[in-house]
Protein backbone atom coordinates (compact mmCIF):
# COMPACT_ATOMS: atom_id res chain seq x y z
CA MET A 1 -1.66 23.59 -19.34
CA VAL A 2 -4.08 23.13 -21.78
CA GLY A 3 -2.67 21.70 -19.50
CA LEU A 4 0.32 18.52 -19.81
CA LYS A 5 0.57 15.90 -16.96
CA ILE A 6 3.64 14.20 -15.58
CA PRO A 7 3.02 12.37 -12.31
CA ILE A 8 5.12 13.55 -9.39
CA VAL A 9 2.61 12.98 -6.62
CA SER A 10 0.34 9.95 -6.60
CA SER A 11 -3.24 9.79 -5.39
CA GLN A 12 -5.91 7.15 -5.59
CA THR A 13 -8.82 9.48 -5.18
CA SER A 14 -8.17 12.93 -6.52
CA ASP A 15 -5.97 15.10 -8.63
CA VAL A 16 -2.92 16.65 -7.01
CA LEU A 17 -1.35 20.02 -7.68
CA VAL A 18 2.31 19.53 -8.41
CA ARG A 19 5.28 21.20 -10.00
CA MET A 20 5.92 20.75 -13.67
CA PRO A 21 9.66 20.74 -14.30
CA HIS A 22 9.49 19.71 -17.92
CA ALA A 23 10.06 22.05 -20.80
CA VAL A 24 6.62 21.67 -22.34
CA GLN A 25 5.37 24.85 -23.91
CA SER A 26 2.20 26.54 -22.79
CA GLU A 27 0.00 28.72 -25.00
CA SER A 28 2.08 31.71 -23.98
CA GLY A 29 4.92 30.18 -25.98
CA LYS A 30 7.23 29.89 -22.98
CA ALA A 31 8.65 26.72 -21.55
CA ASN A 32 6.29 25.93 -18.73
CA ALA A 33 7.85 25.20 -15.35
CA ALA A 34 4.80 26.17 -13.35
CA THR A 35 2.31 24.23 -11.30
CA PHE A 36 0.16 21.63 -12.98
CA ILE A 37 -2.29 18.91 -12.21
CA TYR A 38 -1.34 15.26 -11.92
CA ARG A 39 -4.05 12.72 -12.43
CA PRO A 40 -3.27 9.30 -11.00
CA SER A 41 -5.30 7.62 -13.73
CA THR A 42 -2.70 8.67 -16.32
CA LEU A 43 0.09 6.76 -14.65
CA SER A 44 0.88 3.48 -16.34
CA SER A 45 2.63 0.55 -14.77
CA SER A 46 6.35 0.82 -14.32
CA VAL A 47 7.26 -2.46 -16.01
CA SER A 48 10.42 -1.85 -18.01
CA TYR A 49 10.37 -2.78 -21.68
CA ALA A 50 12.90 -2.07 -24.40
CA PRO A 51 10.88 -0.51 -27.21
CA THR A 52 12.18 0.39 -30.61
CA LEU A 53 9.80 3.23 -31.23
CA THR A 54 9.61 3.02 -34.98
CA SER A 55 9.06 -0.70 -35.25
CA GLY A 56 7.50 -1.92 -32.02
CA PHE A 57 8.86 -3.51 -28.87
CA SER A 58 12.03 -5.52 -28.93
CA ARG A 59 12.50 -8.65 -26.90
CA PRO A 60 13.21 -7.73 -23.26
CA VAL A 61 15.75 -9.58 -21.18
CA VAL A 62 14.47 -10.64 -17.75
CA HIS A 63 17.08 -11.39 -15.09
CA LEU A 64 16.41 -14.04 -12.43
CA ARG A 65 18.59 -14.18 -9.33
CA SER A 66 19.70 -17.65 -8.27
CA ASP A 67 20.29 -18.83 -4.71
CA LYS A 68 24.01 -18.24 -5.15
CA ASN A 69 23.45 -14.63 -6.21
CA ARG A 70 24.31 -15.50 -9.76
CA ARG A 71 22.28 -14.09 -12.60
CA ASN A 72 20.85 -16.21 -15.38
CA SER A 73 19.23 -14.50 -18.34
CA ILE A 74 16.11 -15.77 -20.02
CA THR A 75 14.40 -14.19 -22.97
CA CYS A 76 10.65 -13.92 -23.31
CA SER A 77 8.78 -12.64 -26.34
CA ILE A 78 6.31 -9.77 -26.30
CA SER A 79 4.14 -9.05 -29.31
CA GLN A 80 5.06 -5.94 -31.21
CA VAL A 81 2.54 -3.41 -30.06
CA HIS A 82 2.94 -0.96 -32.91
CA SER A 83 3.34 -3.44 -35.74
CA TYR A 84 -0.36 -3.55 -36.55
CA GLY A 85 -1.24 0.09 -36.03
CA THR A 86 -3.06 -0.18 -32.74
CA VAL A 87 -3.23 -2.19 -29.54
CA ASP A 88 -5.75 -4.87 -28.68
CA TYR A 89 -7.73 -2.85 -26.18
CA GLU A 90 -8.47 -0.23 -28.84
CA ARG A 91 -10.08 -2.81 -31.14
CA ARG A 92 -12.77 -3.70 -28.64
CA PRO A 93 -16.33 -2.67 -29.51
CA PRO A 94 -17.51 0.65 -28.02
CA GLN A 95 -18.61 0.37 -24.40
CA PRO A 96 -21.94 1.88 -23.20
CA TRP A 97 -20.14 4.35 -20.96
CA ARG A 98 -18.42 5.90 -23.98
CA SER A 99 -21.75 6.81 -25.58
CA LEU A 100 -23.00 8.25 -22.30
CA TYR A 101 -19.78 10.21 -21.86
CA ARG A 102 -20.07 11.71 -25.35
CA LYS A 103 -23.69 12.73 -24.81
CA ILE A 104 -22.76 14.54 -21.59
CA THR A 105 -19.86 16.40 -23.19
CA VAL A 106 -21.69 17.53 -26.34
CA VAL A 107 -24.62 19.19 -24.58
CA GLU A 108 -24.36 22.79 -25.78
CA ASP A 109 -26.95 24.30 -23.45
CA ARG A 110 -25.32 23.99 -20.03
CA LYS A 111 -28.58 24.77 -18.22
CA PHE A 112 -29.62 21.16 -18.85
CA GLY A 113 -26.42 19.64 -17.49
CA ALA A 114 -25.48 16.02 -16.92
CA SER A 115 -28.63 15.23 -14.93
CA PHE A 116 -30.78 15.96 -18.00
CA VAL A 117 -28.71 13.55 -20.11
CA LEU A 118 -28.76 10.84 -17.41
CA ASN A 119 -32.53 11.03 -16.94
CA LEU A 120 -33.10 10.95 -20.70
CA TRP A 121 -30.72 8.00 -21.05
CA GLU A 122 -32.61 5.96 -18.45
CA GLU A 123 -35.89 6.72 -20.21
CA GLU A 124 -34.56 5.61 -23.59
CA GLN A 125 -31.77 3.12 -22.87
CA GLY A 126 -32.61 1.67 -19.48
CA ARG A 127 -31.05 1.59 -16.04
CA ILE A 128 -27.57 3.03 -15.51
CA TYR A 129 -25.32 1.20 -13.07
CA LYS A 130 -22.79 2.76 -10.73
CA TRP A 131 -19.78 1.25 -12.50
CA THR A 132 -20.82 2.97 -15.73
CA LEU A 133 -21.25 6.33 -13.97
CA CYS A 134 -17.89 6.05 -12.22
CA ARG A 135 -16.21 5.24 -15.53
CA VAL A 136 -17.86 8.28 -17.11
CA VAL A 137 -16.66 10.46 -14.21
CA ARG A 138 -13.14 9.13 -14.64
CA GLU A 139 -13.13 10.15 -18.30
CA LEU A 140 -14.66 13.55 -17.56
CA ARG A 141 -11.96 14.25 -14.99
CA LYS A 142 -9.30 13.07 -17.40
CA PHE A 143 -10.33 15.78 -19.88
CA GLN A 144 -10.94 18.41 -17.17
CA CYS A 145 -14.73 18.42 -17.52
CA TYR A 146 -15.03 18.92 -13.79
CA LYS A 147 -18.44 20.59 -13.76
CA GLN A 148 -20.10 17.74 -15.64
CA ALA A 149 -18.30 15.17 -13.45
CA LEU A 150 -19.62 16.86 -10.31
CA GLU A 151 -23.12 16.94 -11.80
CA VAL A 152 -22.95 13.16 -12.28
CA TYR A 153 -22.10 12.71 -8.61
CA GLU A 154 -24.83 15.12 -7.57
CA TRP A 155 -27.30 13.04 -9.59
CA MET A 156 -26.09 9.90 -7.82
CA THR A 157 -26.34 11.61 -4.42
CA GLN A 158 -29.98 12.49 -5.09
CA GLN A 159 -30.65 8.77 -5.53
CA ARG A 160 -28.93 7.34 -2.46
CA GLN A 161 -31.41 4.46 -2.35
CA ARG A 162 -29.86 3.24 -5.61
CA PHE A 163 -26.23 4.24 -5.31
CA ARG A 164 -24.04 3.60 -2.30
CA LEU A 165 -21.24 6.17 -2.24
CA ASN A 166 -18.07 4.96 -0.53
CA SER A 167 -15.12 6.93 0.85
CA SER A 168 -13.44 7.08 -2.56
CA ASP A 169 -16.58 8.62 -4.07
CA ILE A 170 -16.71 11.21 -1.29
CA ALA A 171 -13.05 12.10 -1.83
CA ILE A 172 -13.64 12.54 -5.57
CA GLN A 173 -16.61 14.80 -4.84
CA LEU A 174 -14.46 16.92 -2.53
CA ASP A 175 -11.84 17.24 -5.25
CA LEU A 176 -14.43 18.22 -7.88
CA ILE A 177 -16.09 20.78 -5.60
CA SER A 178 -12.73 22.46 -4.99
CA LYS A 179 -12.24 22.80 -8.75
CA VAL A 180 -15.76 23.79 -9.77
CA HIS A 181 -16.52 26.11 -6.85
CA ASP A 182 -14.01 27.29 -4.26
CA ILE A 183 -12.27 26.25 -1.08
CA SER A 184 -15.09 27.47 1.17
CA ALA A 185 -17.57 25.17 -0.61
CA THR A 186 -15.09 22.32 -0.20
CA GLU A 187 -14.77 22.98 3.52
CA GLU A 188 -18.53 23.17 3.92
CA PHE A 189 -18.98 19.81 2.21
CA PHE A 190 -16.27 18.24 4.38
CA HIS A 191 -17.65 19.60 7.67
CA LYS A 192 -21.11 18.22 6.86
CA LEU A 193 -19.75 14.70 6.43
CA PRO A 194 -20.49 12.21 9.21
CA GLU A 195 -17.42 11.46 11.31
CA VAL A 196 -17.21 7.93 9.95
CA SER A 197 -16.70 9.38 6.45
CA LYS A 198 -13.82 11.61 7.54
CA ASP A 199 -11.16 9.06 6.78
CA MET A 200 -7.77 8.97 5.07
CA ARG A 201 -9.26 9.57 1.62
CA SER A 202 -11.53 12.50 2.46
CA TYR A 203 -8.82 14.17 4.55
CA GLY A 204 -6.40 13.60 1.69
CA ALA A 205 -8.78 15.27 -0.77
CA LEU A 206 -9.17 18.24 1.59
CA LEU A 207 -5.39 18.48 1.91
CA ASN A 208 -5.07 18.46 -1.89
CA ALA A 209 -7.61 21.28 -2.13
CA TYR A 210 -5.63 23.41 0.31
CA VAL A 211 -2.42 22.70 -1.59
CA ARG A 212 -4.07 23.63 -4.88
CA ALA A 213 -5.12 26.94 -3.31
CA ASN A 214 -1.61 27.45 -1.84
CA MET A 215 -3.16 27.71 1.64
CA ARG A 216 -0.12 26.73 3.63
CA GLU A 217 -1.42 27.10 7.20
CA LYS A 218 -4.61 25.14 6.58
CA ALA A 219 -2.69 22.45 4.72
CA GLU A 220 -0.24 22.09 7.61
CA THR A 221 -3.10 21.94 10.14
CA THR A 222 -4.87 19.28 8.09
CA LEU A 223 -1.73 17.17 7.86
CA GLU A 224 -1.29 17.37 11.65
CA LYS A 225 -4.87 16.15 12.11
CA MET A 226 -4.14 13.29 9.74
CA LYS A 227 -1.03 12.37 11.73
CA ASN A 228 -2.95 12.41 15.01
CA ALA A 229 -5.70 10.24 13.51
CA GLY A 230 -3.17 7.76 12.12
CA PHE A 231 -3.97 8.64 8.51
CA ALA A 232 -0.49 9.89 7.51
CA THR A 233 1.30 6.55 7.42
CA HIS A 234 2.23 6.59 3.74
CA ALA A 235 4.27 8.89 1.51
CA LEU A 236 1.29 10.42 -0.31
CA SER A 237 0.38 13.12 2.22
CA TYR A 238 4.02 14.10 2.66
CA ASN A 239 4.48 14.30 -1.11
CA VAL A 240 1.55 16.70 -1.30
CA MET A 241 3.13 18.94 1.34
CA MET A 242 6.48 18.85 -0.47
CA THR A 243 4.65 19.97 -3.59
CA LEU A 244 3.10 22.89 -1.72
CA TYR A 245 6.44 24.06 -0.34
CA MET A 246 8.01 23.72 -3.77
CA ASN A 247 5.25 25.79 -5.36
CA LEU A 248 5.77 28.43 -2.66
CA LYS A 249 9.55 28.37 -3.32
CA GLU A 250 10.15 27.17 0.25
CA HIS A 251 12.61 24.51 -0.81
CA GLN A 252 14.22 23.99 2.59
CA LYS A 253 10.82 23.25 4.09
CA ALA A 254 10.26 20.68 1.36
CA LEU A 255 13.61 19.04 2.13
CA SER A 256 12.71 18.97 5.83
CA VAL A 257 9.69 16.82 4.91
CA VAL A 258 12.07 14.19 3.49
CA SER A 259 14.00 14.22 6.77
CA GLU A 260 10.76 13.84 8.73
CA MET A 261 9.71 10.89 6.60
CA THR A 262 13.06 9.18 7.17
CA GLU A 263 12.93 9.79 10.93
CA ASN A 264 9.37 8.46 11.21
CA GLY A 265 10.03 5.39 9.11
CA ILE A 266 7.80 6.52 6.23
CA LYS A 267 9.07 4.84 3.07
CA LEU A 268 9.96 7.21 0.25
CA ASP A 269 8.18 6.38 -2.98
CA LEU A 270 8.89 7.19 -6.61
CA TYR A 271 7.15 10.56 -6.42
CA THR A 272 9.03 11.59 -3.30
CA TYR A 273 12.26 11.04 -5.18
CA ASN A 274 10.97 12.89 -8.26
CA ILE A 275 10.10 15.94 -6.17
CA TRP A 276 13.40 15.72 -4.30
CA ILE A 277 15.32 15.63 -7.60
CA THR A 278 13.40 18.66 -8.86
CA ILE A 279 14.09 20.64 -5.67
CA CYS A 280 17.83 19.93 -5.88
CA ALA A 281 17.83 21.16 -9.49
CA GLU A 282 15.92 24.32 -8.61
CA LEU A 283 18.47 25.03 -5.89
CA GLY A 284 21.25 24.53 -8.44
CA ARG A 285 22.66 21.51 -6.61
CA LEU A 286 23.66 19.25 -9.50
CA GLU A 287 25.85 16.89 -7.48
CA GLU A 288 23.17 16.46 -4.80
CA MET A 289 20.54 15.84 -7.50
CA GLU A 290 22.63 13.03 -8.97
CA GLN A 291 23.19 11.56 -5.49
CA VAL A 292 19.42 11.48 -4.92
CA ALA A 293 18.96 9.76 -8.30
CA GLU A 294 21.51 7.09 -7.34
CA LYS A 295 19.87 6.64 -3.94
CA MET A 296 16.55 6.09 -5.68
CA LYS A 297 18.03 3.48 -8.03
CA SER A 298 19.43 1.55 -5.05
CA ASP A 299 16.14 1.70 -3.11
CA ILE A 300 14.61 -1.79 -3.37
CA ASN A 301 11.13 -0.36 -2.71
CA VAL A 302 11.22 1.90 -5.77
CA ILE A 303 11.25 1.07 -9.47
CA PRO A 304 12.11 4.17 -11.56
CA ASN A 305 9.74 4.63 -14.50
CA TRP A 306 9.68 6.92 -17.51
CA THR A 307 8.54 9.91 -15.44
CA THR A 308 11.69 9.68 -13.33
CA TYR A 309 13.97 9.88 -16.34
CA SER A 310 11.94 12.62 -18.02
CA THR A 311 12.27 14.63 -14.79
CA LEU A 312 16.02 14.04 -14.77
CA ALA A 313 16.24 14.97 -18.46
CA SER A 314 14.45 18.26 -17.92
CA MET A 315 16.72 19.07 -14.98
CA TYR A 316 19.85 18.33 -17.01
CA ILE A 317 18.49 20.62 -19.73
CA LYS A 318 18.14 23.31 -17.10
CA PHE A 319 21.83 22.84 -16.25
CA GLY A 320 22.75 22.89 -19.95
CA LEU A 321 23.99 19.28 -19.86
CA PHE A 322 22.39 18.14 -23.10
CA GLU A 323 24.34 14.88 -23.46
CA LYS A 324 23.18 13.66 -20.05
CA ALA A 325 19.66 14.83 -20.88
CA GLU A 326 19.71 12.83 -24.12
CA LYS A 327 20.83 9.70 -22.25
CA CYS A 328 17.87 10.12 -19.87
CA LEU A 329 15.51 10.50 -22.82
CA LYS A 330 16.72 7.19 -24.20
CA ASP A 331 15.89 5.71 -20.77
CA VAL A 332 12.41 7.21 -21.10
CA GLU A 333 11.97 5.37 -24.41
CA LEU A 334 13.01 2.09 -22.78
CA ARG A 335 10.28 2.47 -20.16
CA MET A 336 7.33 3.48 -22.31
CA THR A 337 4.28 1.25 -22.50
CA GLY A 338 2.24 0.70 -25.64
CA ARG A 339 -1.03 2.22 -24.45
CA ASP A 340 0.21 5.45 -22.87
CA ARG A 341 0.45 8.50 -25.14
CA THR A 342 1.71 10.87 -22.43
CA PRO A 343 5.45 10.12 -22.70
CA TYR A 344 5.35 10.91 -26.42
CA HIS A 345 4.41 14.50 -25.61
CA TYR A 346 7.33 14.90 -23.26
CA LEU A 347 9.82 13.18 -25.51
CA ILE A 348 8.88 15.45 -28.43
CA SER A 349 9.16 18.58 -26.31
CA LEU A 350 12.36 17.61 -24.51
CA TYR A 351 14.13 16.44 -27.67
CA SER A 352 13.28 19.81 -29.23
CA SER A 353 14.78 21.54 -26.17
CA ILE A 354 18.15 19.96 -26.92
CA GLY A 355 17.89 20.66 -30.66
CA LYS A 356 17.33 17.07 -31.81
CA LYS A 357 14.97 17.60 -34.74
CA GLU A 358 15.48 14.10 -36.16
CA ASP A 359 14.46 12.56 -32.84
CA VAL A 360 11.43 14.84 -32.66
CA TYR A 361 10.21 13.51 -36.03
CA ARG A 362 11.14 9.94 -35.08
CA ILE A 363 9.00 10.05 -31.94
CA TRP A 364 6.20 11.80 -33.85
CA ASN A 365 6.15 9.10 -36.52
CA SER A 366 5.94 6.47 -33.80
CA TYR A 367 3.14 8.40 -32.09
CA LYS A 368 1.20 8.39 -35.37
CA SER A 369 0.90 4.60 -35.13
CA PHE A 370 -1.94 5.17 -32.66
CA PRO A 371 -5.38 5.22 -34.29
CA ARG A 372 -5.94 8.76 -33.03
CA ILE A 373 -3.61 11.60 -32.12
CA LEU A 374 -4.78 13.89 -29.34
CA ASN A 375 -4.95 17.65 -29.83
CA LEU A 376 -2.30 17.83 -27.13
CA GLY A 377 -0.03 15.80 -29.39
CA TYR A 378 -0.46 18.25 -32.27
CA PHE A 379 0.00 21.19 -29.90
CA THR A 380 3.26 19.71 -28.59
CA MET A 381 4.61 18.83 -32.03
CA ILE A 382 3.84 22.23 -33.58
CA SER A 383 5.28 24.05 -30.54
CA SER A 384 8.43 21.95 -30.71
CA LEU A 385 8.96 22.57 -34.43
CA VAL A 386 8.50 26.31 -33.92
CA LYS A 387 11.09 26.11 -31.14
CA LEU A 388 13.42 24.41 -33.65
CA ARG A 389 12.55 27.13 -36.20
CA ASP A 390 11.18 24.49 -38.58
CA ILE A 391 8.23 26.64 -39.59
CA GLU A 392 7.54 24.71 -42.80
CA GLY A 393 7.26 21.55 -40.77
CA ALA A 394 5.06 23.23 -38.17
CA GLU A 395 2.72 24.54 -40.87
CA ALA A 396 2.52 21.08 -42.44
CA ILE A 397 1.57 19.48 -39.11
CA TYR A 398 -1.00 22.23 -38.56
CA GLU A 399 -2.59 21.53 -41.96
CA GLU A 400 -2.63 17.83 -41.12
CA TRP A 401 -4.44 18.59 -37.86
CA VAL A 402 -6.97 20.85 -39.62
CA SER A 403 -7.82 18.00 -41.99
CA VAL A 404 -8.59 15.52 -39.19
CA LYS A 405 -9.81 17.69 -36.29
CA SER A 406 -13.31 17.23 -34.94
CA LYS A 407 -13.42 20.76 -33.53
CA TYR A 408 -11.12 23.74 -34.01
CA ASP A 409 -8.91 24.48 -30.99
CA PRO A 410 -7.62 28.07 -31.29
CA ARG A 411 -4.73 27.34 -28.94
CA ILE A 412 -3.11 25.23 -31.64
CA GLY A 413 -3.48 27.90 -34.31
CA ASN A 414 -2.16 30.53 -31.90
CA ILE A 415 1.25 28.83 -31.89
CA LEU A 416 1.80 29.80 -35.52
CA LEU A 417 0.01 33.11 -35.12
CA ARG A 418 2.39 34.08 -32.32
CA TRP A 419 5.41 33.23 -34.46
CA TYR A 420 4.10 35.32 -37.39
CA ILE A 421 3.59 38.31 -35.10
CA ARG A 422 7.02 38.01 -33.51
CA GLN A 423 8.59 37.89 -36.96
CA GLY A 424 6.68 41.00 -38.01
CA LEU A 425 4.55 39.07 -40.52
CA VAL A 426 1.34 40.91 -39.69
CA GLU A 427 -0.21 40.47 -43.15
CA LYS A 428 0.38 36.72 -42.93
CA ALA A 429 -1.20 36.75 -39.46
CA GLU A 430 -4.27 38.58 -40.86
CA LYS A 431 -4.56 36.01 -43.65
CA PHE A 432 -4.16 33.19 -41.12
CA ILE A 433 -7.09 34.45 -39.03
CA GLY A 434 -9.14 34.75 -42.22
CA GLN A 435 -8.38 31.12 -43.06
CA ILE A 436 -9.54 30.03 -39.60
CA LYS A 437 -12.93 31.63 -40.29
CA GLU A 438 -13.08 30.01 -43.74
CA ILE A 439 -12.78 26.51 -42.27
CA GLY A 440 -15.45 27.25 -39.68
CA GLY A 441 -13.02 27.66 -36.80
CA LYS A 442 -13.21 30.19 -34.01
CA THR A 443 -10.49 32.41 -32.63
CA ASN A 444 -10.13 33.19 -28.94
CA GLN A 445 -9.13 36.30 -27.01
CA THR A 446 -5.45 35.42 -27.24
CA SER A 447 -5.69 35.29 -31.05
CA TRP A 448 -6.96 38.86 -31.25
CA GLU A 449 -4.56 40.19 -28.64
CA LEU A 450 -1.66 38.66 -30.57
CA LEU A 451 -2.83 40.44 -33.73
CA ALA A 452 -3.17 43.65 -31.71
CA GLU A 453 0.47 43.28 -30.68
CA GLY A 454 1.39 43.06 -34.35
CA TYR A 455 -0.46 46.28 -35.14
CA MET A 456 1.18 48.02 -32.18
CA ARG A 457 4.58 47.11 -33.60
CA LYS A 458 3.49 48.80 -36.83
CA GLU A 459 2.17 51.75 -34.78
CA GLU A 460 -1.36 51.24 -36.11
CA ILE A 461 -3.26 52.25 -32.98
CA SER A 462 -6.81 52.10 -34.34
CA LYS A 463 -6.35 48.56 -35.69
CA ALA A 464 -4.81 47.45 -32.39
CA LEU A 465 -7.79 48.84 -30.47
CA SER A 466 -10.15 47.15 -32.92
CA CYS A 467 -8.50 43.79 -32.16
CA MET A 468 -8.79 44.45 -28.42
CA ARG A 469 -12.48 45.15 -28.94
CA GLU A 470 -12.90 41.87 -30.86
CA ALA A 471 -11.24 40.01 -27.99
CA SER A 472 -13.58 41.61 -25.46
CA LEU A 473 -16.65 40.40 -27.39
CA ILE A 474 -15.73 36.71 -27.22
CA LYS A 475 -17.64 34.86 -24.53
CA SER A 476 -15.52 32.69 -22.29
CA PRO A 477 -15.83 31.06 -18.85
CA LEU A 478 -12.72 32.97 -17.82
CA ARG A 479 -12.94 36.75 -17.89
CA TRP A 480 -10.43 38.19 -20.33
CA ARG A 481 -8.40 41.31 -19.67
CA PRO A 482 -5.64 42.70 -21.90
CA LYS A 483 -2.07 42.18 -20.78
CA PRO A 484 -0.87 45.17 -18.73
CA ALA A 485 2.22 45.27 -20.97
CA ASN A 486 0.00 45.78 -24.01
CA VAL A 487 -2.00 48.52 -22.28
CA ALA A 488 1.28 50.25 -21.39
CA ALA A 489 2.49 49.92 -25.00
CA LEU A 490 -0.76 51.41 -26.34
CA LEU A 491 -0.56 54.34 -23.92
CA ASN A 492 3.03 54.96 -24.94
CA LEU A 493 2.04 54.94 -28.63
CA CYS A 494 -0.80 57.36 -27.94
CA LYS A 495 1.65 59.62 -26.14
CA GLN A 496 4.08 59.54 -29.08
CA LYS A 497 1.30 60.18 -31.61
CA SER A 498 -0.51 62.77 -29.44
CA ASP A 499 -3.70 60.74 -29.74
CA PRO A 500 -5.95 61.38 -26.70
CA GLN A 501 -9.02 60.10 -28.58
CA SER A 502 -7.53 56.59 -28.74
CA VAL A 503 -6.74 56.79 -25.03
CA GLU A 504 -10.40 57.56 -24.42
CA THR A 505 -11.37 54.50 -26.49
CA LEU A 506 -8.98 52.37 -24.43
CA VAL A 507 -10.41 53.71 -21.17
CA GLU A 508 -13.95 52.87 -22.30
CA LEU A 509 -12.83 49.35 -23.22
CA LEU A 510 -11.21 48.81 -19.82
CA LYS A 511 -14.36 50.14 -18.16
CA LYS A 512 -16.50 47.59 -20.04
CA LEU A 513 -14.11 44.84 -18.99
CA ASP A 514 -14.52 45.98 -15.38
CA CYS A 515 -10.78 46.39 -14.82
CA LEU A 516 -10.41 50.17 -15.04
CA HIS A 517 -9.93 50.50 -11.28
CA MET A 518 -7.72 47.45 -10.89
CA ASP A 519 -3.97 47.45 -10.56
CA PRO A 520 -1.88 47.69 -12.64
CA TYR A 521 -4.32 49.29 -15.14
CA GLU A 522 -5.22 52.13 -12.80
CA SER A 523 -1.56 52.86 -12.08
CA LEU A 524 -0.71 52.94 -15.79
CA LEU A 525 -3.50 55.36 -16.55
CA ARG A 526 -2.72 57.60 -13.60
CA ALA A 527 0.92 57.78 -14.70
CA TYR A 528 -0.27 58.85 -18.15
CA ASP A 529 -2.64 61.36 -16.61
CA GLU A 530 0.19 63.08 -14.74
CA ASP A 531 1.76 64.00 -18.08
CA HIS A 532 -1.51 64.81 -19.85
CA MET A 533 -3.85 66.83 -17.66
CA ASN A 534 -6.42 67.09 -20.44
CA MET A 535 -6.70 63.33 -20.71
CA PRO A 536 -10.28 61.99 -20.47
CA TYR A 537 -9.16 59.79 -17.57
CA ALA A 538 -9.10 62.78 -15.22
CA ASN A 539 -12.44 61.75 -13.66
CA LEU A 540 -11.05 58.42 -12.44
CA SER A 541 -11.26 59.48 -8.79
CA GLU A 542 -15.04 59.62 -9.07
CA GLY A 543 -15.06 55.82 -9.01
CA PRO A 544 -16.87 53.35 -11.22
CA GLU A 545 -20.29 54.04 -12.58
CA PRO A 546 -23.15 52.64 -10.48
């Protein structure tokens, strides 16, 4: 998920790995119910408004309770947020941190890094203050530029005489290290901290890192240390552990955490209830899920927000109860705030999941009242229209995005490319890739592998291998390897066509990708070799070349 973000676990210092129950499509084209990252900064306040999405906010009714438990209604007016195309905060002049943020993100040669930009900025623009740097880091984390964010903190650390790093800064560094490097680097950083810095925040960041890595034993040990030190007095740490158990499919363990919280007098918060609701749904316990939802509504310490109702909607969709899901989506609309784009993405996707095309367009038209639509918004809208089989509409939104984009994102184009391939429209897919090149865009490995799948369906082995080769030549931070299912399909085609030469080409490609001796590729090739003793893969047992 390019990742989408619905808060289920809250944190003040670092991102938290949580379960994504919503039916938001990933690049694979499947409804994504996998793990995802929640960033606390994306969570808006839970004040309940009554918006009419196409025309702005309506007048909310605020109830005041009298001494005699009677309710008197008063009406207060709120300006219509969408009536003038934007909100006040977006009309403010650009802040200095925005320029600094852009300069850090557009550096093409990564060997310079953020430190180069920061030093140059101070030479040309003057002294940079900590608030500005922290605001830049916040934005970098928001858009998953973790390496650059860590480099900013490393630059600050090198100048300790200027910048005083508090416990929140240390926790953020721990979180960034776990994402940029690995868990061992995170542990090393934590162990080197002075004891006074090993507080609730730094322990919480370490716990999050273990949860993200699905390291159950270390996470449990860390939580016990937090309990012994008096750091586990709020719901946050328990929510993180519930998330871990849910990701590991240990639902009963997750439910036992709720019992422990109740026994120890730890107040359940909104995210505890959200996780609890999701677990009940995954266990198929509809009645229990609804009981938890009612318990949450009656809890005076909790105010359900739009994330609660979007979670409930997605769970009802899972149960096939579309009418109840639609009612929850209307509740989401009532709890949206003017400055938060995130709920629009979920509304569009969830309305498409229940076949409500008119509502999808209604929410989209409301979303377009913002001065700028995020790539994630276009990705969600195009995916949703493809799901609804409104291909004309999806193509129109794609063309709209192409006309306003600042940089081509191949993941958006791949949505249509995947549909063309699945419909057997290989020539249209070829033309589509050609058009991407014409507008100066770049394809990614997935683009070429999708086209390869199209050629395999037409039994054009050489063209499929050519696409695989194109995919292998694209440089990417993540090492690409062909899907095992596609390798198996190619081997099967070669077997049908008696084409050992193409098998040899495939073997050479896998060797260059350094996955020839990895499962399941090795198993697939050995299985082929058993039927074809003259296959050029017979020397596999000799091991990789030095």
